[in-house]
C-alpha atoms as a PDB file:
ATOM      1  CA  UNK A   1      57.274 181.503 157.422  1.00  0.00           C
ATOM      2  CA  UNK A   2      57.206 178.093 155.730  1.00  0.00           C
ATOM      3  CA  UNK A   3      53.968 176.736 155.150  1.00  0.00           C
ATOM      4  CA  UNK A   4      53.292 172.998 155.087  1.00  0.00           C
ATOM      5  CA  UNK A   5      51.986 171.077 152.613  1.00  0.00           C
ATOM      6  CA  UNK A   6      49.758 168.582 155.317  1.00  0.00           C
ATOM      7  CA  UNK A   7      46.269 168.775 155.388  1.00  0.00           C
ATOM      8  CA  UNK A   8      44.902 171.209 158.012  1.00  0.00           C
ATOM      9  CA  UNK A   9      44.260 169.092 161.588  1.00  0.00           C
ATOM     10  CA  UNK A  10      46.594 165.896 160.660  1.00  0.00           C
ATOM     11  CA  UNK A  11      49.382 165.486 162.314  1.00  0.00           C
ATOM     12  CA  UNK A  12      52.987 164.781 161.564  1.00  0.00           C
ATOM     13  CA  UNK A  13      54.866 161.666 163.012  1.00  0.00           C
ATOM     14  CA  UNK A  14      56.982 163.092 165.631  1.00  0.00           C
ATOM     15  CA  UNK A  15      60.684 162.041 164.220  1.00  0.00           C
ATOM     16  CA  UNK A  16      61.922 161.182 167.692  1.00  0.00           C
ATOM     17  CA  UNK A  17      59.314 158.638 168.186  1.00  0.00           C
ATOM     18  CA  UNK A  18      59.982 154.803 166.886  1.00  0.00           C
ATOM     19  CA  UNK A  19      57.422 153.311 164.474  1.00  0.00           C
ATOM     20  CA  UNK A  20      54.436 151.368 166.850  1.00  0.00           C
ATOM     21  CA  UNK A  21      55.542 147.676 165.932  1.00  0.00           C
ATOM     22  CA  UNK A  22      59.190 148.657 167.278  1.00  0.00           C
ATOM     23  CA  UNK A  23      57.776 147.949 170.804  1.00  0.00           C
ATOM     24  CA  UNK A  24      56.532 144.225 169.890  1.00  0.00           C
ATOM     25  CA  UNK A  25      60.505 143.506 168.811  1.00  0.00           C
ATOM     26  CA  UNK A  26      61.163 142.123 172.521  1.00  0.00           C
ATOM     27  CA  UNK A  27      58.246 140.314 172.549  1.00  0.00           C
ATOM     28  CA  UNK A  28      58.953 138.364 169.383  1.00  0.00           C
ATOM     29  CA  UNK A  29      61.896 137.344 170.910  1.00  0.00           C
ATOM     30  CA  UNK A  30      60.354 136.204 174.008  1.00  0.00           C
ATOM     31  CA  UNK A  31      57.735 134.354 171.556  1.00  0.00           C
ATOM     32  CA  UNK A  32      60.645 132.549 169.380  1.00  0.00           C
ATOM     33  CA  UNK A  33      62.717 131.670 172.851  1.00  0.00           C
ATOM     34  CA  UNK A  34      59.131 130.034 173.881  1.00  0.00           C
ATOM     35  CA  UNK A  35      58.621 127.979 170.307  1.00  0.00           C
ATOM     36  CA  UNK A  36      62.267 126.269 170.813  1.00  0.00           C
ATOM     37  CA  UNK A  37      61.352 125.831 174.674  1.00  0.00           C
ATOM     38  CA  UNK A  38      58.485 124.035 173.762  1.00  0.00           C
ATOM     39  CA  UNK A  39      59.348 122.077 171.014  1.00  0.00           C
ATOM     40  CA  UNK A  40      62.667 120.582 173.122  1.00  0.00           C
ATOM     41  CA  UNK A  41      60.135 119.841 175.286  1.00  0.00           C
ATOM     42  CA  UNK A  42      58.141 118.024 173.371  1.00  0.00           C
ATOM     43  CA  UNK A  43      61.446 116.095 171.844  1.00  0.00           C
ATOM     44  CA  UNK A  44      62.679 115.541 175.041  1.00  0.00           C
ATOM     45  CA  UNK A  45      59.381 113.666 176.230  1.00  0.00           C
ATOM     46  CA  UNK A  46      58.388 111.623 173.157  1.00  0.00           C
ATOM     47  CA  UNK A  47      62.220 110.573 173.075  1.00  0.00           C
ATOM     48  CA  UNK A  48      62.146 109.169 176.998  1.00  0.00           C
ATOM     49  CA  UNK A  49      58.455 108.008 176.813  1.00  0.00           C
ATOM     50  CA  UNK A  50      59.261 105.930 173.462  1.00  0.00           C
ATOM     51  CA  UNK A  51      62.623 104.170 174.123  1.00  0.00           C
ATOM     52  CA  UNK A  52      64.301 101.961 176.829  1.00  0.00           C
ATOM     53  CA  UNK A  53      67.420 102.952 176.528  1.00  0.00           C
ATOM     54  CA  UNK A  54      67.677  98.921 177.638  1.00  0.00           C
ATOM     55  CA  UNK A  55      70.300  97.727 174.740  1.00  0.00           C
ATOM     56  CA  UNK A  56      72.359  94.745 176.187  1.00  0.00           C
ATOM     57  CA  UNK A  57      70.856  92.934 179.689  1.00  0.00           C
ATOM     58  CA  UNK A  58      74.180  92.109 181.733  1.00  0.00           C
ATOM     59  CA  UNK A  59      76.357  93.859 179.602  1.00  0.00           C
ATOM     60  CA  UNK A  60      79.716  93.929 181.720  1.00  0.00           C
ATOM     61  CA  UNK A  61      79.146  90.431 182.347  1.00  0.00           C
ATOM     62  CA  UNK A  62      79.099  89.774 178.302  1.00  0.00           C
ATOM     63  CA  UNK A  63      82.005  91.681 178.217  1.00  0.00           C
ATOM     64  CA  UNK A  64      84.037  89.784 180.550  1.00  0.00           C
ATOM     65  CA  UNK A  65      83.741  86.768 177.995  1.00  0.00           C
ATOM     66  CA  UNK A  66      84.677  88.380 174.696  1.00  0.00           C
ATOM     67  CA  UNK A  67      88.165  86.687 174.701  1.00  0.00           C
ATOM     68  CA  UNK A  68      85.578  83.332 174.615  1.00  0.00           C
ATOM     69  CA  UNK A  69      83.728  84.368 171.734  1.00  0.00           C
ATOM     70  CA  UNK A  70      86.184  85.195 169.720  1.00  0.00           C
ATOM     71  CA  UNK A  71      87.527  82.121 169.940  1.00  0.00           C
ATOM     72  CA  UNK A  72      84.493  80.530 169.259  1.00  0.00           C
ATOM     73  CA  UNK A  73      84.210  82.299 165.890  1.00  0.00           C
ATOM     74  CA  UNK A  74      87.733  81.504 164.874  1.00  0.00           C
ATOM     75  CA  UNK A  75      86.410  77.731 165.584  1.00  0.00           C
ATOM     76  CA  UNK A  76      83.173  78.455 163.443  1.00  0.00           C
ATOM     77  CA  UNK A  77      85.253  79.691 161.012  1.00  0.00           C
ATOM     78  CA  UNK A  78      87.948  76.596 160.630  1.00  0.00           C
ATOM     79  CA  UNK A  79      84.474  74.632 161.267  1.00  0.00           C
ATOM     80  CA  UNK A  80      83.461  76.073 157.252  1.00  0.00           C
ATOM     81  CA  UNK A  81      79.740  75.459 157.989  1.00  0.00           C
ATOM     82  CA  UNK A  82      77.640  78.057 155.729  1.00  0.00           C
ATOM     83  CA  UNK A  83      73.734  78.680 156.400  1.00  0.00           C
ATOM     84  CA  UNK A  84      71.481  80.726 154.072  1.00  0.00           C
ATOM     85  CA  UNK A  85      68.721  82.715 155.990  1.00  0.00           C
ATOM     86  CA  UNK A  86      65.100  83.530 154.094  1.00  0.00           C
ATOM     87  CA  UNK A  87      62.096  84.763 155.511  1.00  0.00           C
ATOM     88  CA  UNK A  88      58.933  84.639 152.949  1.00  0.00           C
ATOM     89  CA  UNK A  89      56.545  87.181 152.033  1.00  0.00           C
ATOM     90  CA  UNK A  90      53.190  87.138 154.064  1.00  0.00           C
ATOM     91  CA  UNK A  91      50.707  84.591 152.904  1.00  0.00           C
ATOM     92  CA  UNK A  92      47.846  85.664 155.258  1.00  0.00           C
ATOM     93  CA  UNK A  93      49.544  86.702 157.601  1.00  0.00           C
ATOM     94  CA  UNK A  94      52.399  83.739 158.481  1.00  0.00           C
ATOM     95  CA  UNK A  95      55.699  83.664 156.920  1.00  0.00           C
ATOM     96  CA  UNK A  96      58.233  81.133 157.149  1.00  0.00           C
ATOM     97  CA  UNK A  97      61.829  81.210 158.454  1.00  0.00           C
ATOM     98  CA  UNK A  98      64.274  78.697 155.972  1.00  0.00           C
ATOM     99  CA  UNK A  99      67.820  78.139 156.580  1.00  0.00           C
ATOM    100  CA  UNK A 100      69.872  75.900 154.253  1.00  0.00           C
ATOM    101  CA  UNK A 101      73.364  74.846 155.817  1.00  0.00           C
ATOM    102  CA  UNK A 102      75.964  73.394 154.084  1.00  0.00           C
ATOM    103  CA  UNK A 103      79.670  72.036 154.636  1.00  0.00           C
ATOM    104  CA  UNK A 104      82.647  73.122 153.543  1.00  0.00           C
ATOM    105  CA  UNK A 105      82.480  71.069 150.317  1.00  0.00           C
ATOM    106  CA  UNK A 106      79.599  72.751 149.767  1.00  0.00           C
ATOM    107  CA  UNK A 107      77.039  69.385 150.879  1.00  0.00           C
ATOM    108  CA  UNK A 108      73.827  69.574 152.647  1.00  0.00           C
ATOM    109  CA  UNK A 109      74.123  68.801 156.316  1.00  0.00           C
ATOM    110  CA  UNK A 110      71.220  67.086 158.368  1.00  0.00           C
ATOM    111  CA  UNK A 111      70.837  66.319 161.635  1.00  0.00           C
ATOM    112  CA  UNK A 112      71.457  69.790 163.746  1.00  0.00           C
ATOM    113  CA  UNK A 113      69.194  71.233 166.236  1.00  0.00           C
ATOM    114  CA  UNK A 114      68.693  74.775 165.060  1.00  0.00           C
ATOM    115  CA  UNK A 115      67.482  77.706 167.209  1.00  0.00           C
ATOM    116  CA  UNK A 116      66.750  81.002 165.584  1.00  0.00           C
ATOM    117  CA  UNK A 117      65.746  83.933 167.630  1.00  0.00           C
ATOM    118  CA  UNK A 118      64.260  87.322 166.067  1.00  0.00           C
ATOM    119  CA  UNK A 119      65.019  90.306 167.601  1.00  0.00           C
ATOM    120  CA  UNK A 120      63.537  94.126 166.880  1.00  0.00           C
ATOM    121  CA  UNK A 121      66.289  96.672 167.300  1.00  0.00           C
ATOM    122  CA  UNK A 122      63.897  99.417 168.285  1.00  0.00           C
ATOM    123  CA  UNK A 123      61.747  97.109 170.588  1.00  0.00           C
ATOM    124  CA  UNK A 124      62.655  94.256 173.344  1.00  0.00           C
ATOM    125  CA  UNK A 125      58.933  93.566 173.906  1.00  0.00           C
ATOM    126  CA  UNK A 126      58.605  91.842 170.275  1.00  0.00           C
ATOM    127  CA  UNK A 127      60.955  89.007 170.299  1.00  0.00           C
ATOM    128  CA  UNK A 128      60.251  85.967 169.000  1.00  0.00           C
ATOM    129  CA  UNK A 129      61.850  82.543 169.958  1.00  0.00           C
ATOM    130  CA  UNK A 130      61.795  79.370 167.508  1.00  0.00           C
ATOM    131  CA  UNK A 131      63.088  75.815 166.751  1.00  0.00           C
ATOM    132  CA  UNK A 132      63.564  75.331 163.313  1.00  0.00           C
ATOM    133  CA  UNK A 133      62.300  71.827 162.102  1.00  0.00           C
ATOM    134  CA  UNK A 134      65.161  69.588 159.814  1.00  0.00           C
ATOM    135  CA  UNK A 135      63.292  69.177 155.922  1.00  0.00           C
ATOM    136  CA  UNK A 136      66.350  67.029 154.954  1.00  0.00           C
ATOM    137  CA  UNK A 137      68.834  68.471 152.277  1.00  0.00           C
ATOM    138  CA  UNK A 138      69.964  70.577 154.859  1.00  0.00           C
ATOM    139  CA  UNK A 139      66.506  72.751 154.868  1.00  0.00           C
ATOM    140  CA  UNK A 140      65.312  74.171 157.896  1.00  0.00           C
ATOM    141  CA  UNK A 141      62.070  75.987 158.737  1.00  0.00           C
ATOM    142  CA  UNK A 142      59.755  77.324 160.712  1.00  0.00           C
ATOM    143  CA  UNK A 143      56.400  79.247 160.250  1.00  0.00           C
ATOM    144  CA  UNK A 144      55.736  82.000 162.354  1.00  0.00           C
ATOM    145  CA  UNK A 145      53.778  85.165 162.535  1.00  0.00           C
ATOM    146  CA  UNK A 146      55.743  88.396 163.307  1.00  0.00           C
ATOM    147  CA  UNK A 147      54.059  91.231 165.705  1.00  0.00           C
ATOM    148  CA  UNK A 148      55.363  94.438 163.446  1.00  0.00           C
ATOM    149  CA  UNK A 149      56.914  94.661 160.055  1.00  0.00           C
ATOM    150  CA  UNK A 150      59.724  96.629 159.766  1.00  0.00           C
ATOM    151  CA  UNK A 151      63.866  95.691 160.820  1.00  0.00           C
ATOM    152  CA  UNK A 152      64.468  92.447 162.424  1.00  0.00           C
ATOM    153  CA  UNK A 153      67.968  90.835 163.559  1.00  0.00           C
ATOM    154  CA  UNK A 154      67.656  86.986 163.319  1.00  0.00           C
ATOM    155  CA  UNK A 155      69.985  85.213 165.166  1.00  0.00           C
ATOM    156  CA  UNK A 156      70.502  81.776 164.387  1.00  0.00           C
ATOM    157  CA  UNK A 157      72.285  79.143 166.528  1.00  0.00           C
ATOM    158  CA  UNK A 158      73.071  75.385 165.298  1.00  0.00           C
ATOM    159  CA  UNK A 159      74.236  72.905 167.101  1.00  0.00           C
ATOM    160  CA  UNK A 160      75.273  68.828 166.418  1.00  0.00           C
ATOM    161  CA  UNK A 161      77.243  66.661 168.749  1.00  0.00           C
ATOM    162  CA  UNK A 162      80.131  67.998 168.530  1.00  0.00           C
ATOM    163  CA  UNK A 163      79.780  71.420 166.941  1.00  0.00           C
ATOM    164  CA  UNK A 164      78.174  74.913 167.452  1.00  0.00           C
ATOM    165  CA  UNK A 165      77.348  77.837 164.777  1.00  0.00           C
ATOM    166  CA  UNK A 166      75.723  80.618 164.824  1.00  0.00           C
ATOM    167  CA  UNK A 167      75.112  83.798 162.262  1.00  0.00           C
ATOM    168  CA  UNK A 168      73.276  86.848 162.821  1.00  0.00           C
ATOM    169  CA  UNK A 169      71.483  88.791 159.707  1.00  0.00           C
ATOM    170  CA  UNK A 170      69.482  91.873 159.689  1.00  0.00           C
ATOM    171  CA  UNK A 171      66.360  91.175 157.530  1.00  0.00           C
ATOM    172  CA  UNK A 172      63.276  93.797 156.820  1.00  0.00           C
ATOM    173  CA  UNK A 173      60.016  92.727 156.758  1.00  0.00           C
ATOM    174  CA  UNK A 174      57.194  93.870 155.039  1.00  0.00           C
END
């Protein structure tokens, strides 16, 4: 007969019995999937509640007139007007939007009716419309207060009696 070296009264683990923690493995899988489902649910909620999904109103109608837009862009290129858009740093919460216009020969263009539309790419509810005042020497300005800092798309449209010119530029406002 063989003697055991174990202390009397202690039990040896049964070789056929799995360790106790192995009973938790199925629950670990269930818990892991529950975490993935909870995180996905949170992401879906925040995605749906923070973006309206509306990129362009009347997109179909605008698409039908795309050839007219191409013709207008070619006419603008032939016209040769150039506009430099700048947005000042805030001073007391107010900013100044300045557009300098020049023709093909770099001469300033005065007498234009200039409008600007500032679009917030991430939130259509913050758009700002402005009419710029001519200050002479091809310089047009407007004071404004932006609802929020960040990326803004500025669309400037200038008209005289015969011609129309437009430019779109993305600016970052601090």
